[in-house]
Amino acid sequence: MNAAEFRKLVAEHFSPKIRELGWKGSGFHFRKKPENHIGNLFGIQGSWYGGSVCCETAIYFDFIPDLAGLNFEKSTYASSLIRKRLSPKGDGDYHWNFSNDLEKNIESVKSIWNAFEEHGIKFYNDFGDFPHPFDKINPNDLRKSDNYFILGKYNIGNNVEVANLLKEVNTIIGRREIAQEFSEIGIERVNILAERLLVGRKTKTYRKNERFIEMQIEKLRVK
C-alpha cells in the first residue's frame, strides 16, 4: 500500500461522509466555504518516509490571504496560520500506518473519520463564532509571551502574524485603537527581526531581507 492507493480508499470511505457535512474537495484536500469570515480546511499528508499519513485541521480567514498569499480556493492546511494535527485521542502527533492487509487500511480510513468527527469538528467549533475568541485577546496578552496560545491550546509560533491577524480582526469589529496597538506590537517584533537580518554589506541577500522587512511593516499598518 502506498499513498496513491490509500487515496483511493479515502475517496471511497471518507470523502462521501465529509461531503455530507457540506465540505468540498477530493484526494487528500478538503474545504468548507467561509461562514462569518472563517473557512475550514482539512488535509491528509503522506509521510516523507512513506508508509503512513497524518491529518491536519486548519482554518482560513476570508479577510486576509493565508501565509503563502493564497485565496481560499487554493489554500491548504500547510499555509494556514492556525492548524492542529488530528489524532484518535485528540492530542499529539499521530500517523496512520499503511498495511499490506486491505481491511486494515480501510479500518485506518474509518479511524481517520472517527477522529475527525470526535476531535476535528471540536477544533472547527472553537472558531465558529467569529470574532470569538480573537476579540477576547488584548495587546498585553501578546506582549507577555513570544509563544502565544490561542484559547490556551493552539500554539501559533509566529507572533508577527498573530499581531497582524488581531490587528485585522479589531479593525473589522470597529476597535481601531486596539488594532493600532496590535499593529505596533507586530512592527516592534519585525524591527527586532531586522536587527538580525540587516547586518553587514548590502548584498543581494541583504536587499532581499530589507524588502521582506519593508513588506512586513507595511502589512502591519492599520489601513
N, C-alpha and C. Protein backbone atom coordinates (compact mmCIF):
# COMPACT_ATOMS: atom_id res chain seq x y z
N MET A 1 0.84 -1.20 0.00
CA MET A 1 0.00 0.00 0.00
C MET A 1 0.88 1.25 0.00
N ASN A 2 0.60 2.17 -0.91
CA ASN A 2 1.29 3.44 -0.93
C ASN A 2 0.26 4.56 -0.82
N ALA A 3 0.73 5.81 -0.84
CA ALA A 3 -0.17 6.95 -0.64
C ALA A 3 -1.23 7.04 -1.74
N ALA A 4 -0.85 6.74 -2.97
CA ALA A 4 -1.81 6.81 -4.08
C ALA A 4 -2.93 5.78 -3.89
N GLU A 5 -2.56 4.58 -3.45
CA GLU A 5 -3.57 3.54 -3.22
C GLU A 5 -4.44 3.89 -2.01
N PHE A 6 -3.80 4.48 -0.99
CA PHE A 6 -4.56 4.88 0.20
C PHE A 6 -5.56 5.99 -0.15
N ARG A 7 -5.16 6.87 -1.08
CA ARG A 7 -6.04 7.96 -1.51
C ARG A 7 -7.34 7.40 -2.11
N LYS A 8 -7.24 6.29 -2.81
CA LYS A 8 -8.45 5.68 -3.39
C LYS A 8 -9.39 5.19 -2.29
N LEU A 9 -8.82 4.69 -1.19
CA LEU A 9 -9.66 4.26 -0.07
C LEU A 9 -10.31 5.46 0.62
N VAL A 10 -9.57 6.57 0.68
CA VAL A 10 -10.14 7.81 1.23
C VAL A 10 -11.32 8.25 0.38
N ALA A 11 -11.16 8.18 -0.94
CA ALA A 11 -12.24 8.58 -1.85
C ALA A 11 -13.49 7.72 -1.64
N GLU A 12 -13.30 6.48 -1.28
CA GLU A 12 -14.43 5.56 -1.12
C GLU A 12 -15.05 5.63 0.26
N HIS A 13 -14.22 5.75 1.31
CA HIS A 13 -14.72 5.59 2.67
C HIS A 13 -14.73 6.86 3.51
N PHE A 14 -14.10 7.92 3.02
CA PHE A 14 -14.04 9.17 3.79
C PHE A 14 -14.74 10.32 3.06
N SER A 15 -14.41 10.51 1.79
CA SER A 15 -14.92 11.66 1.04
C SER A 15 -16.43 11.78 1.04
N PRO A 16 -17.20 10.70 0.82
CA PRO A 16 -18.66 10.86 0.81
C PRO A 16 -19.21 11.36 2.14
N LYS A 17 -18.57 10.95 3.25
CA LYS A 17 -19.06 11.35 4.56
C LYS A 17 -18.80 12.83 4.83
N ILE A 18 -17.62 13.31 4.47
CA ILE A 18 -17.31 14.72 4.74
C ILE A 18 -18.11 15.62 3.80
N ARG A 19 -18.42 15.14 2.61
CA ARG A 19 -19.24 15.94 1.69
C ARG A 19 -20.66 16.09 2.21
N GLU A 20 -21.14 15.08 2.93
CA GLU A 20 -22.47 15.17 3.53
C GLU A 20 -22.56 16.32 4.54
N LEU A 21 -21.40 16.74 5.07
CA LEU A 21 -21.35 17.83 6.04
C LEU A 21 -21.13 19.18 5.36
N GLY A 22 -21.19 19.20 4.03
CA GLY A 22 -21.07 20.45 3.30
C GLY A 22 -19.67 20.80 2.84
N TRP A 23 -18.75 19.85 2.96
CA TRP A 23 -17.38 20.07 2.51
C TRP A 23 -17.23 19.75 1.03
N LYS A 24 -16.23 20.37 0.41
CA LYS A 24 -15.88 20.06 -0.97
C LYS A 24 -14.42 19.62 -1.01
N GLY A 25 -14.07 18.94 -2.10
CA GLY A 25 -12.69 18.52 -2.26
C GLY A 25 -12.59 17.07 -2.66
N SER A 26 -11.36 16.64 -2.89
CA SER A 26 -11.10 15.26 -3.28
C SER A 26 -9.66 14.94 -2.94
N GLY A 27 -9.30 13.69 -3.12
CA GLY A 27 -7.94 13.29 -2.82
C GLY A 27 -7.65 13.46 -1.35
N PHE A 28 -6.64 14.28 -1.05
CA PHE A 28 -6.24 14.49 0.34
C PHE A 28 -6.56 15.90 0.83
N HIS A 29 -7.31 16.70 0.06
CA HIS A 29 -7.58 18.08 0.46
C HIS A 29 -9.08 18.38 0.40
N PHE A 30 -9.58 18.94 1.51
CA PHE A 30 -11.00 19.26 1.61
C PHE A 30 -11.16 20.65 2.23
N ARG A 31 -12.26 21.33 1.85
CA ARG A 31 -12.50 22.67 2.36
C ARG A 31 -14.01 22.91 2.50
N LYS A 32 -14.34 23.72 3.48
CA LYS A 32 -15.73 24.14 3.68
C LYS A 32 -15.76 25.64 3.63
N LYS A 33 -16.58 26.22 2.76
CA LYS A 33 -16.53 27.64 2.44
C LYS A 33 -16.71 28.51 3.69
N PRO A 34 -16.12 29.70 3.66
CA PRO A 34 -16.20 30.59 4.82
C PRO A 34 -17.62 30.97 5.19
N GLU A 35 -17.87 30.93 6.49
CA GLU A 35 -19.10 31.46 7.06
C GLU A 35 -18.69 32.40 8.18
N ASN A 36 -19.20 33.62 8.16
CA ASN A 36 -18.84 34.61 9.17
C ASN A 36 -17.32 34.76 9.26
N HIS A 37 -16.67 34.83 8.09
CA HIS A 37 -15.24 35.11 7.93
C HIS A 37 -14.31 33.90 8.10
N ILE A 38 -14.82 32.76 8.57
CA ILE A 38 -13.94 31.62 8.83
C ILE A 38 -14.25 30.47 7.87
N GLY A 39 -13.23 30.02 7.13
CA GLY A 39 -13.35 28.83 6.30
C GLY A 39 -12.62 27.66 6.97
N ASN A 40 -13.07 26.47 6.71
CA ASN A 40 -12.47 25.27 7.30
C ASN A 40 -11.67 24.49 6.26
N LEU A 41 -10.50 24.01 6.66
CA LEU A 41 -9.63 23.22 5.80
C LEU A 41 -9.26 21.93 6.49
N PHE A 42 -9.17 20.86 5.71
CA PHE A 42 -8.73 19.57 6.24
C PHE A 42 -7.84 18.90 5.21
N GLY A 43 -6.76 18.31 5.68
CA GLY A 43 -5.85 17.67 4.74
C GLY A 43 -5.24 16.40 5.30
N ILE A 44 -4.93 15.51 4.39
CA ILE A 44 -4.22 14.27 4.71
C ILE A 44 -2.88 14.34 4.00
N GLN A 45 -1.82 14.03 4.71
CA GLN A 45 -0.47 14.17 4.15
C GLN A 45 0.31 12.88 4.28
N GLY A 46 0.86 12.42 3.16
CA GLY A 46 1.72 11.25 3.20
C GLY A 46 3.04 11.57 3.87
N SER A 47 3.57 10.63 4.62
CA SER A 47 4.86 10.83 5.29
C SER A 47 5.98 10.96 4.27
N TRP A 48 6.98 11.81 4.60
CA TRP A 48 8.16 11.93 3.74
C TRP A 48 8.87 10.60 3.60
N TYR A 49 8.76 9.76 4.60
CA TYR A 49 9.46 8.48 4.59
C TYR A 49 8.61 7.36 4.01
N GLY A 50 7.35 7.67 3.68
CA GLY A 50 6.45 6.66 3.14
C GLY A 50 5.86 5.80 4.24
N GLY A 51 4.84 5.06 3.88
CA GLY A 51 4.29 4.07 4.80
C GLY A 51 3.22 4.56 5.76
N SER A 52 2.87 5.85 5.71
CA SER A 52 1.86 6.35 6.64
C SER A 52 1.34 7.71 6.17
N VAL A 53 0.27 8.16 6.85
CA VAL A 53 -0.25 9.50 6.62
C VAL A 53 -0.55 10.15 7.97
N CYS A 54 -0.52 11.47 7.98
CA CYS A 54 -1.02 12.23 9.11
C CYS A 54 -2.12 13.16 8.59
N CYS A 55 -2.88 13.75 9.50
CA CYS A 55 -4.01 14.60 9.10
C CYS A 55 -3.96 15.92 9.85
N GLU A 56 -4.43 16.98 9.18
CA GLU A 56 -4.38 18.32 9.76
C GLU A 56 -5.73 19.02 9.62
N THR A 57 -6.18 19.63 10.73
CA THR A 57 -7.31 20.54 10.70
C THR A 57 -6.76 21.95 10.68
N ALA A 58 -7.44 22.87 10.00
CA ALA A 58 -6.95 24.25 9.90
C ALA A 58 -8.12 25.17 9.57
N ILE A 59 -7.91 26.48 9.81
CA ILE A 59 -8.93 27.46 9.45
C ILE A 59 -8.32 28.53 8.55
N TYR A 60 -9.20 29.19 7.81
CA TYR A 60 -8.83 30.24 6.86
C TYR A 60 -9.66 31.48 7.17
N PHE A 61 -9.03 32.65 7.10
CA PHE A 61 -9.73 33.92 7.33
C PHE A 61 -9.98 34.60 5.98
N ASP A 62 -11.23 34.92 5.70
CA ASP A 62 -11.53 35.44 4.37
C ASP A 62 -11.14 36.91 4.18
N PHE A 63 -10.62 37.56 5.23
CA PHE A 63 -10.24 38.96 5.11
C PHE A 63 -8.73 39.15 4.95
N ILE A 64 -7.95 38.08 5.01
CA ILE A 64 -6.52 38.15 4.74
C ILE A 64 -6.10 36.88 3.99
N PRO A 65 -5.09 36.98 3.12
CA PRO A 65 -4.58 35.78 2.46
C PRO A 65 -3.92 34.86 3.49
N ASP A 66 -3.72 33.61 3.13
CA ASP A 66 -3.01 32.71 4.03
C ASP A 66 -1.52 33.04 4.01
N LEU A 67 -0.72 32.25 4.72
CA LEU A 67 0.70 32.55 4.86
C LEU A 67 1.46 32.49 3.54
N ALA A 68 0.89 31.81 2.56
CA ALA A 68 1.52 31.73 1.24
C ALA A 68 0.92 32.75 0.27
N GLY A 69 0.01 33.60 0.77
CA GLY A 69 -0.63 34.59 -0.08
C GLY A 69 -1.74 34.03 -0.94
N LEU A 70 -2.26 32.87 -0.58
CA LEU A 70 -3.27 32.20 -1.40
C LEU A 70 -4.68 32.52 -0.95
N ASN A 71 -5.62 32.51 -1.91
CA ASN A 71 -7.02 32.67 -1.55
C ASN A 71 -7.58 31.32 -1.08
N PHE A 72 -8.83 31.35 -0.65
CA PHE A 72 -9.42 30.17 -0.02
C PHE A 72 -9.44 28.95 -0.93
N GLU A 73 -9.76 29.14 -2.20
CA GLU A 73 -9.90 28.01 -3.11
C GLU A 73 -8.58 27.30 -3.37
N LYS A 74 -7.46 27.96 -3.09
CA LYS A 74 -6.16 27.34 -3.32
C LYS A 74 -5.42 27.03 -2.02
N SER A 75 -5.92 27.57 -0.93
CA SER A 75 -5.24 27.39 0.35
C SER A 75 -5.37 25.95 0.86
N THR A 76 -4.37 25.52 1.63
CA THR A 76 -4.42 24.24 2.32
C THR A 76 -3.93 24.44 3.75
N TYR A 77 -4.06 23.41 4.55
CA TYR A 77 -3.59 23.49 5.94
C TYR A 77 -2.13 23.89 6.01
N ALA A 78 -1.33 23.53 4.99
CA ALA A 78 0.12 23.75 5.03
C ALA A 78 0.47 25.23 5.14
N SER A 79 -0.40 26.12 4.65
CA SER A 79 -0.11 27.55 4.71
C SER A 79 -1.12 28.29 5.58
N SER A 80 -1.69 27.57 6.54
CA SER A 80 -2.65 28.17 7.47
C SER A 80 -1.96 28.61 8.75
N LEU A 81 -2.37 29.76 9.27
CA LEU A 81 -1.79 30.27 10.50
C LEU A 81 -2.20 29.42 11.69
N ILE A 82 -3.45 28.99 11.71
CA ILE A 82 -3.96 28.20 12.84
C ILE A 82 -4.32 26.81 12.35
N ARG A 83 -3.64 25.81 12.87
CA ARG A 83 -3.87 24.43 12.46
C ARG A 83 -3.56 23.50 13.62
N LYS A 84 -4.06 22.27 13.52
CA LYS A 84 -3.83 21.29 14.59
C LYS A 84 -3.79 19.89 13.99
N ARG A 85 -2.81 19.11 14.43
CA ARG A 85 -2.70 17.73 13.99
C ARG A 85 -3.83 16.90 14.57
N LEU A 86 -4.43 16.07 13.75
CA LEU A 86 -5.53 15.21 14.19
C LEU A 86 -4.97 13.90 14.73
N SER A 87 -5.60 13.38 15.77
CA SER A 87 -5.21 12.08 16.30
C SER A 87 -6.42 11.40 16.92
N PRO A 88 -6.40 10.10 17.07
CA PRO A 88 -7.55 9.39 17.64
C PRO A 88 -7.91 9.84 19.06
N LYS A 89 -6.90 10.29 19.83
CA LYS A 89 -7.15 10.72 21.21
C LYS A 89 -7.30 12.23 21.33
N GLY A 90 -7.10 12.94 20.24
CA GLY A 90 -7.31 14.37 20.26
C GLY A 90 -6.08 15.22 20.45
N ASP A 91 -4.98 14.63 20.90
CA ASP A 91 -3.76 15.41 21.13
C ASP A 91 -2.54 14.64 20.65
N GLY A 92 -1.50 15.40 20.33
CA GLY A 92 -0.22 14.80 19.97
C GLY A 92 -0.10 14.48 18.49
N ASP A 93 1.14 14.22 18.09
CA ASP A 93 1.41 13.82 16.71
C ASP A 93 0.92 12.39 16.52
N TYR A 94 0.41 12.10 15.33
CA TYR A 94 -0.08 10.74 15.07
C TYR A 94 -0.04 10.45 13.58
N HIS A 95 0.38 9.24 13.26
CA HIS A 95 0.39 8.78 11.87
C HIS A 95 -0.39 7.47 11.76
N TRP A 96 -1.21 7.39 10.74
CA TRP A 96 -1.90 6.15 10.42
C TRP A 96 -1.01 5.35 9.46
N ASN A 97 -0.56 4.19 9.90
CA ASN A 97 0.38 3.39 9.12
C ASN A 97 -0.33 2.55 8.06
N PHE A 98 0.31 2.41 6.91
CA PHE A 98 -0.21 1.54 5.87
C PHE A 98 0.06 0.08 6.21
N SER A 99 -0.77 -0.79 5.66
CA SER A 99 -0.62 -2.23 5.87
C SER A 99 -0.70 -2.94 4.52
N ASN A 100 -0.23 -4.16 4.49
CA ASN A 100 -0.40 -4.99 3.30
C ASN A 100 -1.79 -5.63 3.28
N ASP A 101 -2.51 -5.45 4.37
CA ASP A 101 -3.86 -6.00 4.50
C ASP A 101 -4.88 -4.92 4.14
N LEU A 102 -5.68 -5.14 3.10
CA LEU A 102 -6.64 -4.16 2.63
C LEU A 102 -7.62 -3.76 3.73
N GLU A 103 -8.12 -4.73 4.47
CA GLU A 103 -9.10 -4.44 5.51
C GLU A 103 -8.53 -3.55 6.61
N LYS A 104 -7.26 -3.75 6.92
CA LYS A 104 -6.64 -2.90 7.94
C LYS A 104 -6.51 -1.46 7.45
N ASN A 105 -6.24 -1.31 6.17
CA ASN A 105 -6.16 0.04 5.60
C ASN A 105 -7.53 0.72 5.58
N ILE A 106 -8.55 -0.04 5.30
CA ILE A 106 -9.91 0.50 5.35
C ILE A 106 -10.25 0.93 6.78
N GLU A 107 -9.82 0.12 7.76
CA GLU A 107 -10.04 0.48 9.15
C GLU A 107 -9.31 1.76 9.51
N SER A 108 -8.13 1.97 8.92
CA SER A 108 -7.39 3.21 9.17
C SER A 108 -8.15 4.42 8.66
N VAL A 109 -8.74 4.28 7.46
CA VAL A 109 -9.53 5.39 6.92
C VAL A 109 -10.74 5.66 7.81
N LYS A 110 -11.37 4.61 8.28
CA LYS A 110 -12.51 4.78 9.18
C LYS A 110 -12.07 5.42 10.50
N SER A 111 -10.86 5.08 10.95
CA SER A 111 -10.32 5.69 12.16
C SER A 111 -10.09 7.19 11.97
N ILE A 112 -9.62 7.57 10.78
CA ILE A 112 -9.45 8.99 10.48
C ILE A 112 -10.79 9.70 10.55
N TRP A 113 -11.82 9.08 9.97
CA TRP A 113 -13.14 9.69 10.02
C TRP A 113 -13.63 9.83 11.46
N ASN A 114 -13.44 8.80 12.27
CA ASN A 114 -13.88 8.86 13.67
C ASN A 114 -13.16 9.97 14.42
N ALA A 115 -11.85 10.12 14.17
CA ALA A 115 -11.09 11.18 14.81
C ALA A 115 -11.57 12.55 14.34
N PHE A 116 -11.89 12.65 13.06
CA PHE A 116 -12.41 13.90 12.51
C PHE A 116 -13.74 14.26 13.18
N GLU A 117 -14.62 13.29 13.30
CA GLU A 117 -15.93 13.54 13.91
C GLU A 117 -15.81 13.93 15.38
N GLU A 118 -14.92 13.24 16.10
CA GLU A 118 -14.83 13.44 17.53
C GLU A 118 -13.98 14.66 17.91
N HIS A 119 -12.87 14.84 17.23
CA HIS A 119 -11.93 15.89 17.62
C HIS A 119 -11.78 17.01 16.59
N GLY A 120 -11.83 16.66 15.31
CA GLY A 120 -11.68 17.68 14.28
C GLY A 120 -12.80 18.69 14.33
N ILE A 121 -14.03 18.24 14.47
CA ILE A 121 -15.17 19.15 14.49
C ILE A 121 -15.11 20.06 15.71
N LYS A 122 -14.57 19.55 16.83
CA LYS A 122 -14.39 20.40 18.01
C LYS A 122 -13.43 21.55 17.70
N PHE A 123 -12.37 21.25 16.96
CA PHE A 123 -11.43 22.29 16.57
C PHE A 123 -12.14 23.38 15.78
N TYR A 124 -12.91 23.00 14.76
CA TYR A 124 -13.61 23.99 13.94
C TYR A 124 -14.64 24.77 14.76
N ASN A 125 -15.30 24.09 15.69
CA ASN A 125 -16.31 24.77 16.52
C ASN A 125 -15.69 25.83 17.42
N ASP A 126 -14.42 25.63 17.79
CA ASP A 126 -13.74 26.62 18.62
C ASP A 126 -13.64 27.97 17.93
N PHE A 127 -13.75 27.98 16.59
CA PHE A 127 -13.62 29.22 15.84
C PHE A 127 -14.89 29.53 15.05
N GLY A 128 -15.98 28.91 15.44
CA GLY A 128 -17.21 29.02 14.67
C GLY A 128 -18.08 30.21 15.04
N ASP A 129 -17.65 31.02 16.00
CA ASP A 129 -18.46 32.16 16.44
C ASP A 129 -17.64 33.44 16.36
N PHE A 130 -17.07 33.71 15.19
CA PHE A 130 -16.26 34.91 14.98
C PHE A 130 -17.03 36.16 15.38
N PRO A 131 -16.40 37.13 16.10
CA PRO A 131 -14.96 37.28 16.32
C PRO A 131 -14.37 36.53 17.51
N HIS A 132 -15.19 35.78 18.26
CA HIS A 132 -14.65 34.93 19.31
C HIS A 132 -13.71 33.89 18.70
N PRO A 133 -12.59 33.54 19.29
CA PRO A 133 -12.05 34.02 20.57
C PRO A 133 -11.11 35.22 20.42
N PHE A 134 -10.95 35.71 19.20
CA PHE A 134 -9.94 36.73 18.94
C PHE A 134 -10.26 38.07 19.60
N ASP A 135 -11.56 38.37 19.78
CA ASP A 135 -11.93 39.62 20.41
C ASP A 135 -11.65 39.63 21.90
N LYS A 136 -11.33 38.47 22.48
CA LYS A 136 -11.02 38.38 23.91
C LYS A 136 -9.52 38.51 24.18
N ILE A 137 -8.71 38.59 23.13
CA ILE A 137 -7.27 38.71 23.29
C ILE A 137 -6.90 40.19 23.32
N ASN A 138 -6.18 40.59 24.35
CA ASN A 138 -5.78 42.01 24.42
C ASN A 138 -4.29 42.15 24.14
N PRO A 139 -3.85 43.36 23.82
CA PRO A 139 -2.44 43.55 23.46
C PRO A 139 -1.45 43.05 24.51
N ASN A 140 -1.78 43.20 25.80
CA ASN A 140 -0.85 42.74 26.83
C ASN A 140 -0.66 41.23 26.81
N ASP A 141 -1.69 40.50 26.39
CA ASP A 141 -1.56 39.04 26.27
C ASP A 141 -0.42 38.70 25.32
N LEU A 142 -0.34 39.44 24.24
CA LEU A 142 0.69 39.18 23.23
C LEU A 142 2.06 39.69 23.68
N ARG A 143 2.05 40.78 24.43
CA ARG A 143 3.32 41.33 24.90
C ARG A 143 4.00 40.40 25.90
N LYS A 144 3.20 39.64 26.64
CA LYS A 144 3.76 38.83 27.73
C LYS A 144 4.47 37.58 27.25
N SER A 145 4.24 37.18 26.01
CA SER A 145 4.81 35.92 25.55
C SER A 145 5.21 35.98 24.08
N ASP A 146 6.33 35.36 23.77
CA ASP A 146 6.75 35.22 22.37
C ASP A 146 6.14 33.97 21.74
N ASN A 147 5.35 33.23 22.53
CA ASN A 147 4.82 31.95 22.07
C ASN A 147 3.38 31.83 22.54
N TYR A 148 2.50 32.66 21.96
CA TYR A 148 1.14 32.76 22.46
C TYR A 148 0.28 31.55 22.05
N PHE A 149 -0.58 31.11 22.97
CA PHE A 149 -1.51 30.01 22.71
C PHE A 149 -2.93 30.57 22.66
N ILE A 150 -3.59 30.45 21.53
CA ILE A 150 -4.98 30.88 21.41
C ILE A 150 -5.87 29.86 22.12
N LEU A 151 -6.78 30.38 22.95
CA LEU A 151 -7.64 29.55 23.80
C LEU A 151 -6.83 28.66 24.73
N GLY A 152 -5.57 29.03 24.93
CA GLY A 152 -4.72 28.27 25.84
C GLY A 152 -4.24 26.95 25.29
N LYS A 153 -4.54 26.65 24.01
CA LYS A 153 -4.17 25.33 23.49
C LYS A 153 -3.68 25.32 22.06
N TYR A 154 -3.89 26.39 21.30
CA TYR A 154 -3.45 26.40 19.90
C TYR A 154 -2.23 27.32 19.77
N ASN A 155 -1.06 26.70 19.67
CA ASN A 155 0.18 27.45 19.57
C ASN A 155 0.41 27.90 18.14
N ILE A 156 0.68 29.19 17.96
CA ILE A 156 0.89 29.74 16.63
C ILE A 156 2.36 29.76 16.27
N GLY A 157 3.21 30.22 17.18
CA GLY A 157 4.65 30.20 16.93
C GLY A 157 5.14 31.33 16.05
N ASN A 158 4.28 32.27 15.71
CA ASN A 158 4.68 33.41 14.87
C ASN A 158 3.89 34.63 15.32
N ASN A 159 4.42 35.34 16.32
CA ASN A 159 3.65 36.43 16.91
C ASN A 159 3.50 37.64 15.99
N VAL A 160 4.36 37.75 14.97
CA VAL A 160 4.16 38.81 13.98
C VAL A 160 2.85 38.57 13.23
N GLU A 161 2.64 37.34 12.79
CA GLU A 161 1.41 37.01 12.07
C GLU A 161 0.20 37.07 12.98
N VAL A 162 0.37 36.67 14.26
CA VAL A 162 -0.73 36.77 15.21
C VAL A 162 -1.12 38.23 15.41
N ALA A 163 -0.11 39.10 15.57
CA ALA A 163 -0.38 40.53 15.74
C ALA A 163 -1.12 41.09 14.52
N ASN A 164 -0.71 40.66 13.34
CA ASN A 164 -1.39 41.12 12.12
C ASN A 164 -2.83 40.65 12.08
N LEU A 165 -3.05 39.38 12.43
CA LEU A 165 -4.41 38.84 12.47
C LEU A 165 -5.28 39.64 13.44
N LEU A 166 -4.77 39.88 14.65
CA LEU A 166 -5.55 40.57 15.66
C LEU A 166 -5.76 42.04 15.28
N LYS A 167 -4.79 42.63 14.59
CA LYS A 167 -4.98 43.97 14.05
C LYS A 167 -6.15 43.99 13.07
N GLU A 168 -6.21 43.00 12.19
CA GLU A 168 -7.29 42.94 11.20
C GLU A 168 -8.64 42.67 11.86
N VAL A 169 -8.66 41.74 12.82
CA VAL A 169 -9.92 41.42 13.49
C VAL A 169 -10.49 42.65 14.18
N ASN A 170 -9.64 43.36 14.92
CA ASN A 170 -10.12 44.53 15.65
C ASN A 170 -10.51 45.66 14.71
N THR A 171 -9.89 45.76 13.56
CA THR A 171 -10.31 46.74 12.56
C THR A 171 -11.71 46.41 12.06
N ILE A 172 -11.96 45.13 11.79
CA ILE A 172 -13.26 44.69 11.28
C ILE A 172 -14.38 44.99 12.28
N ILE A 173 -14.11 44.77 13.57
CA ILE A 173 -15.17 44.96 14.57
C ILE A 173 -15.19 46.38 15.14
N GLY A 174 -14.43 47.28 14.50
CA GLY A 174 -14.52 48.69 14.83
C GLY A 174 -13.71 49.15 16.03
N ARG A 175 -12.73 48.35 16.46
CA ARG A 175 -11.90 48.76 17.60
C ARG A 175 -10.52 49.18 17.07
N ARG A 176 -10.48 50.35 16.44
CA ARG A 176 -9.27 50.78 15.75
C ARG A 176 -8.12 51.12 16.71
N GLU A 177 -8.43 51.59 17.90
CA GLU A 177 -7.36 51.89 18.85
C GLU A 177 -6.63 50.60 19.27
N ILE A 178 -7.39 49.55 19.51
CA ILE A 178 -6.78 48.27 19.86
C ILE A 178 -6.06 47.70 18.65
N ALA A 179 -6.66 47.87 17.47
CA ALA A 179 -5.99 47.42 16.24
C ALA A 179 -4.63 48.10 16.10
N GLN A 180 -4.58 49.38 16.42
CA GLN A 180 -3.32 50.12 16.34
C GLN A 180 -2.29 49.57 17.32
N GLU A 181 -2.72 49.16 18.50
CA GLU A 181 -1.80 48.57 19.48
C GLU A 181 -1.20 47.27 18.95
N PHE A 182 -2.05 46.44 18.36
CA PHE A 182 -1.53 45.19 17.79
C PHE A 182 -0.59 45.48 16.63
N SER A 183 -0.90 46.50 15.85
CA SER A 183 -0.01 46.91 14.77
C SER A 183 1.36 47.27 15.31
N GLU A 184 1.39 48.04 16.38
CA GLU A 184 2.66 48.48 16.96
C GLU A 184 3.45 47.31 17.54
N ILE A 185 2.73 46.36 18.15
CA ILE A 185 3.41 45.17 18.68
C ILE A 185 4.06 44.39 17.55
N GLY A 186 3.31 44.21 16.47
CA GLY A 186 3.86 43.47 15.33
C GLY A 186 5.07 44.17 14.73
N ILE A 187 5.00 45.49 14.58
CA ILE A 187 6.11 46.24 14.00
C ILE A 187 7.33 46.18 14.92
N GLU A 188 7.10 46.22 16.23
CA GLU A 188 8.22 46.07 17.17
C GLU A 188 8.93 44.73 16.96
N ARG A 189 8.15 43.67 16.77
CA ARG A 189 8.74 42.34 16.57
C ARG A 189 9.50 42.28 15.24
N VAL A 190 8.96 42.93 14.22
CA VAL A 190 9.64 42.95 12.93
C VAL A 190 10.96 43.71 13.03
N ASN A 191 10.97 44.79 13.78
CA ASN A 191 12.19 45.57 13.94
C ASN A 191 13.27 44.77 14.68
N ILE A 192 12.85 43.95 15.63
CA ILE A 192 13.80 43.06 16.30
C ILE A 192 14.39 42.06 15.30
N LEU A 193 13.52 41.54 14.44
CA LEU A 193 13.99 40.62 13.39
C LEU A 193 14.95 41.33 12.45
N ALA A 194 14.66 42.58 12.15
CA ALA A 194 15.51 43.35 11.23
C ALA A 194 16.93 43.51 11.78
N GLU A 195 17.05 43.61 13.09
CA GLU A 195 18.37 43.75 13.70
C GLU A 195 19.25 42.53 13.42
N ARG A 196 18.61 41.39 13.22
CA ARG A 196 19.37 40.17 12.92
C ARG A 196 19.62 40.00 11.43
N LEU A 197 18.63 40.41 10.63
CA LEU A 197 18.72 40.17 9.19
C LEU A 197 19.52 41.25 8.45
N LEU A 198 19.43 42.47 8.91
CA LEU A 198 20.03 43.58 8.16
C LEU A 198 21.38 43.95 8.77
N VAL A 199 22.34 43.09 8.59
CA VAL A 199 23.70 43.33 9.08
C VAL A 199 24.69 43.09 7.94
N GLY A 200 25.85 43.76 8.03
CA GLY A 200 26.91 43.54 7.05
C GLY A 200 26.70 44.33 5.77
N ARG A 201 27.37 43.87 4.74
CA ARG A 201 27.31 44.56 3.45
C ARG A 201 25.95 44.39 2.78
N LYS A 202 25.62 45.36 1.91
CA LYS A 202 24.33 45.32 1.22
C LYS A 202 24.42 44.41 0.00
N THR A 203 24.46 43.12 0.29
CA THR A 203 24.49 42.09 -0.74
C THR A 203 23.08 41.85 -1.28
N LYS A 204 22.98 40.93 -2.21
CA LYS A 204 21.67 40.56 -2.75
C LYS A 204 20.77 40.02 -1.65
N THR A 205 21.35 39.21 -0.76
CA THR A 205 20.57 38.67 0.36
C THR A 205 20.13 39.78 1.30
N TYR A 206 21.01 40.74 1.57
CA TYR A 206 20.67 41.88 2.42
C TYR A 206 19.47 42.63 1.83
N ARG A 207 19.52 42.92 0.53
CA ARG A 207 18.44 43.68 -0.10
C ARG A 207 17.14 42.89 -0.10
N LYS A 208 17.26 41.57 -0.26
CA LYS A 208 16.07 40.73 -0.20
C LYS A 208 15.45 40.78 1.19
N ASN A 209 16.28 40.69 2.21
CA ASN A 209 15.79 40.79 3.59
C ASN A 209 15.21 42.16 3.88
N GLU A 210 15.84 43.20 3.32
CA GLU A 210 15.36 44.57 3.51
C GLU A 210 13.96 44.74 2.94
N ARG A 211 13.74 44.17 1.75
CA ARG A 211 12.43 44.24 1.12
C ARG A 211 11.40 43.45 1.93
N PHE A 212 11.81 42.30 2.46
CA PHE A 212 10.92 41.50 3.30
C PHE A 212 10.48 42.28 4.53
N ILE A 213 11.41 42.95 5.19
CA ILE A 213 11.09 43.74 6.38
C ILE A 213 10.13 44.87 6.03
N GLU A 214 10.38 45.54 4.91
CA GLU A 214 9.50 46.64 4.47
C GLU A 214 8.08 46.13 4.22
N MET A 215 7.98 44.98 3.59
CA MET A 215 6.66 44.41 3.28
C MET A 215 5.92 44.02 4.56
N GLN A 216 6.65 43.46 5.53
CA GLN A 216 6.04 43.08 6.79
C GLN A 216 5.49 44.30 7.54
N ILE A 217 6.28 45.36 7.59
CA ILE A 217 5.85 46.58 8.28
C ILE A 217 4.64 47.19 7.59
N GLU A 218 4.66 47.22 6.26
CA GLU A 218 3.52 47.78 5.52
C GLU A 218 2.27 46.96 5.78
N LYS A 219 2.40 45.65 5.83
CA LYS A 219 1.25 44.77 6.07
C LYS A 219 0.65 45.05 7.44
N LEU A 220 1.49 45.36 8.41
CA LEU A 220 1.04 45.52 9.79
C LEU A 220 0.40 46.88 10.06
N ARG A 221 0.54 47.81 9.17
CA ARG A 221 -0.06 49.14 9.39
C ARG A 221 -1.59 49.06 9.33
N VAL A 222 -2.24 49.83 10.18
CA VAL A 222 -3.70 49.91 10.16
C VAL A 222 -4.11 50.76 8.97
N LYS A 223 -4.93 50.20 8.12
CA LYS A 223 -5.36 50.91 6.90
C LYS A 223 -6.62 51.72 7.16
